[in-house]
């Protein structure tokens, strides 16, 4: 009393044939879901960074641009402001003197900080924190070789 569904004795009416076509419907469904996920997630992944861009108009040639002030941190931990040696305790006062302005006005000028590649991170951050604690917020970081 058993039934045979396939094979030579079952006949053509009960033969199950193999389907070799690819069913792309699940694949398309998954791709559409991923497309929607990425379309929703992409705007959230953008990060805005505030940049101080130079003005669109060229500076007036009659103005004399100030010479930039560089703070150099050497491997030994010594700090140089322009070509004079400074200490971490006197760095804000020396920076104002090098910038050539009064104490509140000198904080509006940009200072550039550069360090030798062998300088430890805590030495670099000590200089950055000292500048920030004393109101110097326009600090530029330089990535160049010091010779």
C-alpha atoms as a PDB file:
ATOM      1  CA  UNK A   1       0.000   0.000   0.000  1.00  0.00           C
ATOM      2  CA  UNK A   2       2.868   2.429  -0.535  1.00  0.00           C
ATOM      3  CA  UNK A   3       3.075   4.979  -3.273  1.00  0.00           C
ATOM      4  CA  UNK A   4       6.131   5.568  -5.374  1.00  0.00           C
ATOM      5  CA  UNK A   5       6.520   9.211  -6.399  1.00  0.00           C
ATOM      6  CA  UNK A   6       9.501   8.993  -8.717  1.00  0.00           C
ATOM      7  CA  UNK A   7      11.572   6.561 -10.626  1.00  0.00           C
ATOM      8  CA  UNK A   8      11.041   4.348 -13.585  1.00  0.00           C
ATOM      9  CA  UNK A   9       8.066   2.468 -12.182  1.00  0.00           C
ATOM     10  CA  UNK A  10       6.112   5.524 -10.993  1.00  0.00           C
ATOM     11  CA  UNK A  11       5.241   6.828 -14.404  1.00  0.00           C
ATOM     12  CA  UNK A  12       5.260  10.362 -15.741  1.00  0.00           C
ATOM     13  CA  UNK A  13       2.418  11.645 -13.605  1.00  0.00           C
ATOM     14  CA  UNK A  14       4.274  11.165 -10.351  1.00  0.00           C
ATOM     15  CA  UNK A  15       7.808  12.130 -11.369  1.00  0.00           C
ATOM     16  CA  UNK A  16       9.367  15.035  -9.435  1.00  0.00           C
ATOM     17  CA  UNK A  17      11.822  16.883 -11.664  1.00  0.00           C
ATOM     18  CA  UNK A  18      14.787  18.809 -10.399  1.00  0.00           C
ATOM     19  CA  UNK A  19      14.488  22.600 -10.648  1.00  0.00           C
ATOM     20  CA  UNK A  20      17.840  24.111 -11.706  1.00  0.00           C
ATOM     21  CA  UNK A  21      16.690  27.758 -11.807  1.00  0.00           C
ATOM     22  CA  UNK A  22      18.001  30.127  -9.154  1.00  0.00           C
ATOM     23  CA  UNK A  23      15.319  31.655  -6.986  1.00  0.00           C
ATOM     24  CA  UNK A  24      16.436  35.299  -6.771  1.00  0.00           C
ATOM     25  CA  UNK A  25      13.461  36.601  -4.786  1.00  0.00           C
ATOM     26  CA  UNK A  26      15.076  36.086  -1.323  1.00  0.00           C
ATOM     27  CA  UNK A  27      18.317  37.583  -2.608  1.00  0.00           C
ATOM     28  CA  UNK A  28      16.521  40.699  -3.892  1.00  0.00           C
ATOM     29  CA  UNK A  29      14.617  41.014  -0.609  1.00  0.00           C
ATOM     30  CA  UNK A  30      17.828  40.916   1.428  1.00  0.00           C
ATOM     31  CA  UNK A  31      19.548  43.436  -0.865  1.00  0.00           C
ATOM     32  CA  UNK A  32      16.630  45.877  -0.604  1.00  0.00           C
ATOM     33  CA  UNK A  33      16.642  45.616   3.186  1.00  0.00           C
ATOM     34  CA  UNK A  34      20.418  46.269   3.263  1.00  0.00           C
ATOM     35  CA  UNK A  35      19.984  49.211   0.904  1.00  0.00           C
ATOM     36  CA  UNK A  36      17.410  50.776   3.206  1.00  0.00           C
ATOM     37  CA  UNK A  37      19.618  50.196   6.266  1.00  0.00           C
ATOM     38  CA  UNK A  38      22.611  51.884   4.598  1.00  0.00           C
ATOM     39  CA  UNK A  39      20.495  54.788   3.342  1.00  0.00           C
ATOM     40  CA  UNK A  40      19.294  55.432   6.882  1.00  0.00           C
ATOM     41  CA  UNK A  41      22.689  54.889   8.548  1.00  0.00           C
ATOM     42  CA  UNK A  42      24.850  56.902   6.108  1.00  0.00           C
ATOM     43  CA  UNK A  43      23.726  60.391   7.221  1.00  0.00           C
ATOM     44  CA  UNK A  44      24.338  59.422  10.843  1.00  0.00           C
ATOM     45  CA  UNK A  45      27.936  58.443  10.101  1.00  0.00           C
ATOM     46  CA  UNK A  46      28.989  61.910   8.935  1.00  0.00           C
ATOM     47  CA  UNK A  47      30.902  63.949  11.494  1.00  0.00           C
ATOM     48  CA  UNK A  48      31.169  67.703  11.318  1.00  0.00           C
ATOM     49  CA  UNK A  49      34.479  69.334  12.149  1.00  0.00           C
ATOM     50  CA  UNK A  50      34.760  73.070  12.687  1.00  0.00           C
ATOM     51  CA  UNK A  51      37.499  74.567  10.534  1.00  0.00           C
ATOM     52  CA  UNK A  52      38.960  78.047  10.674  1.00  0.00           C
ATOM     53  CA  UNK A  53      39.335  78.722   6.969  1.00  0.00           C
ATOM     54  CA  UNK A  54      41.247  81.747   5.697  1.00  0.00           C
ATOM     55  CA  UNK A  55      39.215  84.687   4.429  1.00  0.00           C
ATOM     56  CA  UNK A  56      38.117  84.628   0.802  1.00  0.00           C
ATOM     57  CA  UNK A  57      39.648  88.038   0.087  1.00  0.00           C
ATOM     58  CA  UNK A  58      43.427  88.389  -0.023  1.00  0.00           C
ATOM     59  CA  UNK A  59      45.007  90.366   2.806  1.00  0.00           C
ATOM     60  CA  UNK A  60      45.855  94.006   2.274  1.00  0.00           C
ATOM     61  CA  UNK A  61      49.465  94.280   1.007  1.00  0.00           C
ATOM     62  CA  UNK A  62      50.019  97.426   3.073  1.00  0.00           C
ATOM     63  CA  UNK A  63      49.652  95.369   6.258  1.00  0.00           C
ATOM     64  CA  UNK A  64      52.788  93.709   7.515  1.00  0.00           C
ATOM     65  CA  UNK A  65      51.972  90.125   8.428  1.00  0.00           C
ATOM     66  CA  UNK A  66      53.358  89.036  11.765  1.00  0.00           C
ATOM     67  CA  UNK A  67      56.016  86.396  11.904  1.00  0.00           C
ATOM     68  CA  UNK A  68      54.534  83.136  13.265  1.00  0.00           C
ATOM     69  CA  UNK A  69      55.569  81.973  16.725  1.00  0.00           C
ATOM     70  CA  UNK A  70      56.720  78.357  17.030  1.00  0.00           C
ATOM     71  CA  UNK A  71      56.915  76.346  20.220  1.00  0.00           C
ATOM     72  CA  UNK A  72      59.349  73.474  19.769  1.00  0.00           C
ATOM     73  CA  UNK A  73      59.412  70.492  22.136  1.00  0.00           C
ATOM     74  CA  UNK A  74      62.621  68.523  22.025  1.00  0.00           C
ATOM     75  CA  UNK A  75      63.255  64.918  22.992  1.00  0.00           C
ATOM     76  CA  UNK A  76      65.018  65.952  26.202  1.00  0.00           C
ATOM     77  CA  UNK A  77      61.848  67.750  27.327  1.00  0.00           C
ATOM     78  CA  UNK A  78      63.224  71.248  26.817  1.00  0.00           C
ATOM     79  CA  UNK A  79      60.855  73.787  25.310  1.00  0.00           C
ATOM     80  CA  UNK A  80      61.950  76.470  22.876  1.00  0.00           C
ATOM     81  CA  UNK A  81      59.832  79.464  21.975  1.00  0.00           C
ATOM     82  CA  UNK A  82      61.179  80.740  18.671  1.00  0.00           C
ATOM     83  CA  UNK A  83      64.929  80.471  19.352  1.00  0.00           C
ATOM     84  CA  UNK A  84      64.856  81.078  23.129  1.00  0.00           C
ATOM     85  CA  UNK A  85      64.554  78.362  25.730  1.00  0.00           C
ATOM     86  CA  UNK A  86      61.527  78.471  27.988  1.00  0.00           C
ATOM     87  CA  UNK A  87      60.090  76.445  30.838  1.00  0.00           C
ATOM     88  CA  UNK A  88      56.599  75.068  31.246  1.00  0.00           C
ATOM     89  CA  UNK A  89      55.948  77.467  34.148  1.00  0.00           C
ATOM     90  CA  UNK A  90      56.869  80.591  32.171  1.00  0.00           C
ATOM     91  CA  UNK A  91      55.506  79.449  28.805  1.00  0.00           C
ATOM     92  CA  UNK A  92      52.342  81.653  28.745  1.00  0.00           C
ATOM     93  CA  UNK A  93      54.261  84.828  29.647  1.00  0.00           C
ATOM     94  CA  UNK A  94      57.030  84.009  27.170  1.00  0.00           C
ATOM     95  CA  UNK A  95      54.427  83.344  24.458  1.00  0.00           C
ATOM     96  CA  UNK A  96      52.828  86.761  25.016  1.00  0.00           C
ATOM     97  CA  UNK A  97      56.248  88.398  24.859  1.00  0.00           C
ATOM     98  CA  UNK A  98      57.083  86.577  21.616  1.00  0.00           C
ATOM     99  CA  UNK A  99      53.722  87.530  20.102  1.00  0.00           C
ATOM    100  CA  UNK A 100      54.408  91.169  20.889  1.00  0.00           C
ATOM    101  CA  UNK A 101      51.022  92.052  22.260  1.00  0.00           C
ATOM    102  CA  UNK A 102      49.478  92.847  25.609  1.00  0.00           C
ATOM    103  CA  UNK A 103      48.319  90.001  27.813  1.00  0.00           C
ATOM    104  CA  UNK A 104      44.673  89.726  26.721  1.00  0.00           C
ATOM    105  CA  UNK A 105      45.399  90.593  23.068  1.00  0.00           C
ATOM    106  CA  UNK A 106      48.174  88.028  22.662  1.00  0.00           C
ATOM    107  CA  UNK A 107      45.737  85.181  23.272  1.00  0.00           C
ATOM    108  CA  UNK A 108      43.965  85.977  20.000  1.00  0.00           C
ATOM    109  CA  UNK A 109      47.090  85.232  17.935  1.00  0.00           C
ATOM    110  CA  UNK A 110      47.879  81.784  16.564  1.00  0.00           C
ATOM    111  CA  UNK A 111      50.759  79.775  18.020  1.00  0.00           C
ATOM    112  CA  UNK A 112      52.289  76.779  16.258  1.00  0.00           C
ATOM    113  CA  UNK A 113      53.472  73.755  18.243  1.00  0.00           C
ATOM    114  CA  UNK A 114      55.879  71.182  16.855  1.00  0.00           C
ATOM    115  CA  UNK A 115      57.673  68.317  18.527  1.00  0.00           C
ATOM    116  CA  UNK A 116      60.422  65.912  17.654  1.00  0.00           C
ATOM    117  CA  UNK A 117      59.205  62.396  16.822  1.00  0.00           C
ATOM    118  CA  UNK A 118      60.770  60.951  19.985  1.00  0.00           C
ATOM    119  CA  UNK A 119      58.887  63.292  22.349  1.00  0.00           C
ATOM    120  CA  UNK A 120      56.666  61.454  24.782  1.00  0.00           C
ATOM    121  CA  UNK A 121      52.938  62.056  24.629  1.00  0.00           C
ATOM    122  CA  UNK A 122      52.728  63.375  28.205  1.00  0.00           C
ATOM    123  CA  UNK A 123      55.367  66.039  27.466  1.00  0.00           C
ATOM    124  CA  UNK A 124      53.426  67.197  24.419  1.00  0.00           C
ATOM    125  CA  UNK A 125      50.089  67.220  26.252  1.00  0.00           C
ATOM    126  CA  UNK A 126      51.617  69.134  29.178  1.00  0.00           C
ATOM    127  CA  UNK A 127      52.498  71.974  26.785  1.00  0.00           C
ATOM    128  CA  UNK A 128      49.065  71.832  25.114  1.00  0.00           C
ATOM    129  CA  UNK A 129      47.233  71.831  28.475  1.00  0.00           C
ATOM    130  CA  UNK A 130      49.335  74.739  29.760  1.00  0.00           C
ATOM    131  CA  UNK A 131      48.479  76.788  26.686  1.00  0.00           C
ATOM    132  CA  UNK A 132      44.784  75.939  26.928  1.00  0.00           C
ATOM    133  CA  UNK A 133      44.582  76.669  30.665  1.00  0.00           C
ATOM    134  CA  UNK A 134      46.033  80.118  30.028  1.00  0.00           C
ATOM    135  CA  UNK A 135      43.587  81.011  27.252  1.00  0.00           C
ATOM    136  CA  UNK A 136      45.591  80.179  24.121  1.00  0.00           C
ATOM    137  CA  UNK A 137      42.950  78.406  22.033  1.00  0.00           C
ATOM    138  CA  UNK A 138      44.308  79.155  18.552  1.00  0.00           C
ATOM    139  CA  UNK A 139      47.021  76.523  18.454  1.00  0.00           C
ATOM    140  CA  UNK A 140      48.281  75.004  15.232  1.00  0.00           C
ATOM    141  CA  UNK A 141      50.044  71.635  15.190  1.00  0.00           C
ATOM    142  CA  UNK A 142      52.934  71.182  12.794  1.00  0.00           C
ATOM    143  CA  UNK A 143      54.022  67.861  11.397  1.00  0.00           C
ATOM    144  CA  UNK A 144      57.470  68.423  10.003  1.00  0.00           C
ATOM    145  CA  UNK A 145      61.008  67.295  10.629  1.00  0.00           C
ATOM    146  CA  UNK A 146      63.050  69.414  12.998  1.00  0.00           C
ATOM    147  CA  UNK A 147      66.684  69.669  11.993  1.00  0.00           C
END
